[in-house]
Amino acid sequence: MARNALQKIEDHEKLCRIMQKQTHDKIHKLERQINRVESILLVSTGALISGMAYVIFALIIREKNFHAAIETLYFKRKDQFYDRATERNW
């Protein structure tokens, strides 16, 4: 009887060790997957921020060029107006 109880305890401990190893392996696999997702997320975030910075920079440059073009047109038209006004002796 004592032998039978001891055998049951040993079998139970063996089963617990097997289950503990399986649990540890699953946790380790999940940890690797989480690390992979983290690295993908960081790279994606970096690419997104870089892209947004490029777009903002391009818009700023475009706006400066736009303002320069508007000023050029304004002053050309202003000069044309003064040229016409002097021709008409205003």
N, C-alpha and C. Protein backbone atom coordinates (compact mmCIF):
# COMPACT_ATOMS: atom_id res chain seq x y z
N MET A 1 0.81 -1.19 0.00
CA MET A 1 0.00 0.00 0.00
C MET A 1 0.87 1.26 0.00
N ALA A 2 1.90 1.31 0.85
CA ALA A 2 2.79 2.46 0.93
C ALA A 2 3.54 2.62 -0.40
N ARG A 3 3.89 1.49 -1.00
CA ARG A 3 4.59 1.52 -2.28
C ARG A 3 3.71 2.14 -3.37
N ASN A 4 2.45 1.79 -3.34
CA ASN A 4 1.49 2.29 -4.30
C ASN A 4 1.30 3.81 -4.16
N ALA A 5 1.23 4.29 -2.92
CA ALA A 5 1.05 5.72 -2.65
C ALA A 5 2.31 6.49 -3.08
N LEU A 6 3.49 5.90 -2.79
CA LEU A 6 4.75 6.53 -3.18
C LEU A 6 4.86 6.61 -4.70
N GLN A 7 4.44 5.57 -5.36
CA GLN A 7 4.47 5.55 -6.82
C GLN A 7 3.54 6.63 -7.39
N LYS A 8 2.36 6.80 -6.79
CA LYS A 8 1.42 7.83 -7.24
C LYS A 8 2.01 9.23 -7.07
N ILE A 9 2.69 9.43 -5.94
CA ILE A 9 3.31 10.74 -5.69
C ILE A 9 4.41 11.00 -6.71
N GLU A 10 5.24 10.03 -6.98
CA GLU A 10 6.33 10.18 -7.94
C GLU A 10 5.77 10.43 -9.36
N ASP A 11 4.72 9.70 -9.72
CA ASP A 11 4.10 9.91 -11.03
C ASP A 11 3.52 11.32 -11.13
N HIS A 12 2.91 11.76 -10.04
CA HIS A 12 2.34 13.10 -10.02
C HIS A 12 3.44 14.16 -10.15
N GLU A 13 4.55 13.99 -9.45
CA GLU A 13 5.68 14.92 -9.53
C GLU A 13 6.27 14.93 -10.94
N LYS A 14 6.36 13.74 -11.55
CA LYS A 14 6.88 13.63 -12.90
C LYS A 14 5.96 14.39 -13.88
N LEU A 15 4.65 14.19 -13.72
CA LEU A 15 3.67 14.88 -14.55
C LEU A 15 3.77 16.40 -14.35
N CYS A 16 3.94 16.83 -13.10
CA CYS A 16 4.08 18.26 -12.81
C CYS A 16 5.32 18.84 -13.48
N ARG A 17 6.44 18.12 -13.45
CA ARG A 17 7.66 18.60 -14.10
C ARG A 17 7.47 18.70 -15.61
N ILE A 18 6.81 17.72 -16.20
CA ILE A 18 6.55 17.76 -17.64
C ILE A 18 5.67 18.97 -17.98
N MET A 19 4.61 19.17 -17.21
CA MET A 19 3.71 20.29 -17.45
C MET A 19 4.42 21.62 -17.22
N GLN A 20 5.29 21.68 -16.20
CA GLN A 20 6.04 22.89 -15.92
C GLN A 20 6.98 23.21 -17.08
N LYS A 21 7.63 22.20 -17.65
CA LYS A 21 8.52 22.41 -18.80
C LYS A 21 7.72 22.90 -20.00
N GLN A 22 6.56 22.29 -20.24
CA GLN A 22 5.72 22.74 -21.36
C GLN A 22 5.28 24.19 -21.17
N THR A 23 4.90 24.52 -19.95
CA THR A 23 4.48 25.90 -19.66
C THR A 23 5.64 26.86 -19.87
N HIS A 24 6.83 26.46 -19.40
CA HIS A 24 8.01 27.31 -19.59
C HIS A 24 8.31 27.49 -21.07
N ASP A 25 8.21 26.43 -21.86
CA ASP A 25 8.45 26.52 -23.30
C ASP A 25 7.44 27.45 -23.98
N LYS A 26 6.18 27.35 -23.59
CA LYS A 26 5.14 28.22 -24.16
C LYS A 26 5.40 29.69 -23.79
N ILE A 27 5.79 29.92 -22.54
CA ILE A 27 6.09 31.28 -22.10
C ILE A 27 7.28 31.83 -22.88
N HIS A 28 8.29 31.01 -23.08
CA HIS A 28 9.47 31.43 -23.83
C HIS A 28 9.10 31.75 -25.28
N LYS A 29 8.25 30.94 -25.89
CA LYS A 29 7.80 31.18 -27.26
C LYS A 29 7.01 32.49 -27.33
N LEU A 30 6.13 32.71 -26.37
CA LEU A 30 5.37 33.96 -26.34
C LEU A 30 6.29 35.17 -26.16
N GLU A 31 7.31 35.01 -25.33
CA GLU A 31 8.27 36.09 -25.10
C GLU A 31 8.98 36.46 -26.40
N ARG A 32 9.39 35.45 -27.19
CA ARG A 32 10.04 35.72 -28.47
C ARG A 32 9.08 36.41 -29.44
N GLN A 33 7.82 35.96 -29.45
CA GLN A 33 6.84 36.60 -30.33
C GLN A 33 6.60 38.05 -29.93
N ILE A 34 6.51 38.31 -28.64
CA ILE A 34 6.30 39.68 -28.16
C ILE A 34 7.49 40.56 -28.53
N ASN A 35 8.70 40.04 -28.37
CA ASN A 35 9.89 40.80 -28.74
C ASN A 35 9.89 41.11 -30.24
N ARG A 36 9.46 40.14 -31.04
CA ARG A 36 9.39 40.35 -32.49
C ARG A 36 8.37 41.44 -32.82
N VAL A 37 7.21 41.37 -32.19
CA VAL A 37 6.17 42.37 -32.44
C VAL A 37 6.64 43.75 -31.97
N GLU A 38 7.33 43.80 -30.84
CA GLU A 38 7.87 45.07 -30.35
C GLU A 38 8.84 45.69 -31.36
N SER A 39 9.74 44.87 -31.88
CA SER A 39 10.72 45.41 -32.83
C SER A 39 10.03 45.87 -34.11
N ILE A 40 9.05 45.12 -34.59
CA ILE A 40 8.30 45.54 -35.77
C ILE A 40 7.58 46.85 -35.50
N LEU A 41 6.99 46.96 -34.33
CA LEU A 41 6.26 48.18 -33.96
C LEU A 41 7.20 49.38 -33.88
N LEU A 42 8.37 49.20 -33.30
CA LEU A 42 9.33 50.30 -33.20
C LEU A 42 9.82 50.74 -34.57
N VAL A 43 10.13 49.78 -35.44
CA VAL A 43 10.59 50.13 -36.78
C VAL A 43 9.47 50.83 -37.55
N SER A 44 8.25 50.34 -37.43
CA SER A 44 7.13 50.97 -38.12
C SER A 44 6.89 52.38 -37.62
N THR A 45 6.97 52.56 -36.31
CA THR A 45 6.79 53.90 -35.74
C THR A 45 7.88 54.84 -36.21
N GLY A 46 9.11 54.36 -36.24
CA GLY A 46 10.22 55.18 -36.74
C GLY A 46 10.03 55.56 -38.19
N ALA A 47 9.58 54.61 -39.01
CA ALA A 47 9.34 54.91 -40.42
C ALA A 47 8.21 55.91 -40.58
N LEU A 48 7.17 55.76 -39.78
CA LEU A 48 6.04 56.68 -39.84
C LEU A 48 6.46 58.09 -39.44
N ILE A 49 7.22 58.21 -38.37
CA ILE A 49 7.68 59.53 -37.91
C ILE A 49 8.61 60.15 -38.95
N SER A 50 9.49 59.35 -39.53
CA SER A 50 10.38 59.87 -40.57
C SER A 50 9.58 60.35 -41.78
N GLY A 51 8.60 59.58 -42.18
CA GLY A 51 7.76 59.98 -43.30
C GLY A 51 7.00 61.26 -43.03
N MET A 52 6.46 61.38 -41.82
CA MET A 52 5.73 62.59 -41.46
C MET A 52 6.67 63.79 -41.43
N ALA A 53 7.88 63.60 -40.92
CA ALA A 53 8.85 64.70 -40.89
C ALA A 53 9.20 65.13 -42.31
N TYR A 54 9.35 64.17 -43.21
CA TYR A 54 9.65 64.50 -44.61
C TYR A 54 8.51 65.31 -45.23
N VAL A 55 7.27 64.87 -44.99
CA VAL A 55 6.12 65.58 -45.56
C VAL A 55 6.03 67.00 -45.01
N ILE A 56 6.24 67.15 -43.71
CA ILE A 56 6.19 68.48 -43.10
C ILE A 56 7.29 69.37 -43.68
N PHE A 57 8.49 68.82 -43.80
CA PHE A 57 9.61 69.57 -44.37
C PHE A 57 9.31 69.98 -45.82
N ALA A 58 8.77 69.03 -46.60
CA ALA A 58 8.44 69.33 -47.99
C ALA A 58 7.37 70.41 -48.08
N LEU A 59 6.39 70.38 -47.19
CA LEU A 59 5.34 71.40 -47.20
C LEU A 59 5.90 72.77 -46.81
N ILE A 60 6.81 72.78 -45.86
CA ILE A 60 7.42 74.06 -45.46
C ILE A 60 8.21 74.65 -46.62
N ILE A 61 9.01 73.82 -47.29
CA ILE A 61 9.79 74.29 -48.44
C ILE A 61 8.84 74.75 -49.54
N ARG A 62 7.80 73.99 -49.78
CA ARG A 62 6.84 74.34 -50.82
C ARG A 62 6.15 75.66 -50.50
N GLU A 63 5.80 75.86 -49.21
CA GLU A 63 5.13 77.09 -48.81
C GLU A 63 6.06 78.29 -49.00
N LYS A 64 7.34 78.13 -48.64
CA LYS A 64 8.30 79.23 -48.84
C LYS A 64 8.42 79.56 -50.32
N ASN A 65 8.51 78.52 -51.16
CA ASN A 65 8.59 78.75 -52.60
C ASN A 65 7.31 79.40 -53.12
N PHE A 66 6.17 78.98 -52.56
CA PHE A 66 4.89 79.54 -52.96
C PHE A 66 4.84 81.03 -52.62
N HIS A 67 5.25 81.37 -51.40
CA HIS A 67 5.25 82.77 -50.99
C HIS A 67 6.22 83.60 -51.85
N ALA A 68 7.35 83.03 -52.17
CA ALA A 68 8.31 83.74 -53.02
C ALA A 68 7.71 83.97 -54.41
N ALA A 69 7.01 82.98 -54.93
CA ALA A 69 6.38 83.13 -56.25
C ALA A 69 5.28 84.18 -56.20
N ILE A 70 4.48 84.19 -55.13
CA ILE A 70 3.42 85.18 -54.99
C ILE A 70 4.01 86.58 -54.91
N GLU A 71 5.07 86.73 -54.13
CA GLU A 71 5.72 88.05 -54.02
C GLU A 71 6.26 88.50 -55.37
N THR A 72 6.85 87.58 -56.11
CA THR A 72 7.39 87.93 -57.43
C THR A 72 6.26 88.38 -58.35
N LEU A 73 5.16 87.63 -58.37
CA LEU A 73 4.02 88.02 -59.21
C LEU A 73 3.46 89.36 -58.77
N TYR A 74 3.37 89.56 -57.47
CA TYR A 74 2.81 90.82 -56.94
C TYR A 74 3.65 92.01 -57.39
N PHE A 75 4.95 91.89 -57.22
CA PHE A 75 5.82 93.01 -57.58
C PHE A 75 5.88 93.22 -59.09
N LYS A 76 5.78 92.14 -59.89
CA LYS A 76 5.75 92.31 -61.33
C LYS A 76 4.49 93.05 -61.75
N ARG A 77 3.35 92.65 -61.17
CA ARG A 77 2.10 93.33 -61.51
C ARG A 77 2.11 94.77 -61.02
N LYS A 78 2.71 94.98 -59.86
CA LYS A 78 2.80 96.35 -59.33
C LYS A 78 3.64 97.21 -60.27
N ASP A 79 4.77 96.65 -60.76
CA ASP A 79 5.63 97.38 -61.70
C ASP A 79 4.89 97.63 -63.01
N GLN A 80 4.12 96.63 -63.47
CA GLN A 80 3.36 96.81 -64.69
C GLN A 80 2.32 97.92 -64.52
N PHE A 81 1.70 97.94 -63.32
CA PHE A 81 0.71 98.98 -63.05
C PHE A 81 1.37 100.36 -63.09
N TYR A 82 2.55 100.49 -62.46
CA TYR A 82 3.24 101.78 -62.47
C TYR A 82 3.70 102.15 -63.88
N ASP A 83 4.12 101.15 -64.66
CA ASP A 83 4.52 101.43 -66.04
C ASP A 83 3.32 101.95 -66.84
N ARG A 84 2.16 101.32 -66.68
CA ARG A 84 0.97 101.78 -67.39
C ARG A 84 0.54 103.17 -66.91
N ALA A 85 0.67 103.36 -65.61
CA ALA A 85 0.26 104.66 -65.06
C ALA A 85 1.16 105.77 -65.59
N THR A 86 2.45 105.52 -65.71
CA THR A 86 3.35 106.56 -66.23
C THR A 86 3.12 106.78 -67.71
N GLU A 87 2.73 105.71 -68.44
CA GLU A 87 2.42 105.89 -69.86
C GLU A 87 1.20 106.77 -70.05
N ARG A 88 0.24 106.66 -69.14
CA ARG A 88 -0.98 107.45 -69.23
C ARG A 88 -0.85 108.79 -68.55
N ASN A 89 0.31 109.06 -67.98
CA ASN A 89 0.60 110.31 -67.27
C ASN A 89 -0.36 110.54 -66.09
N TRP A 90 -0.45 109.57 -65.29
CA TRP A 90 -1.31 109.71 -64.10
C TRP A 90 -0.59 110.49 -63.09
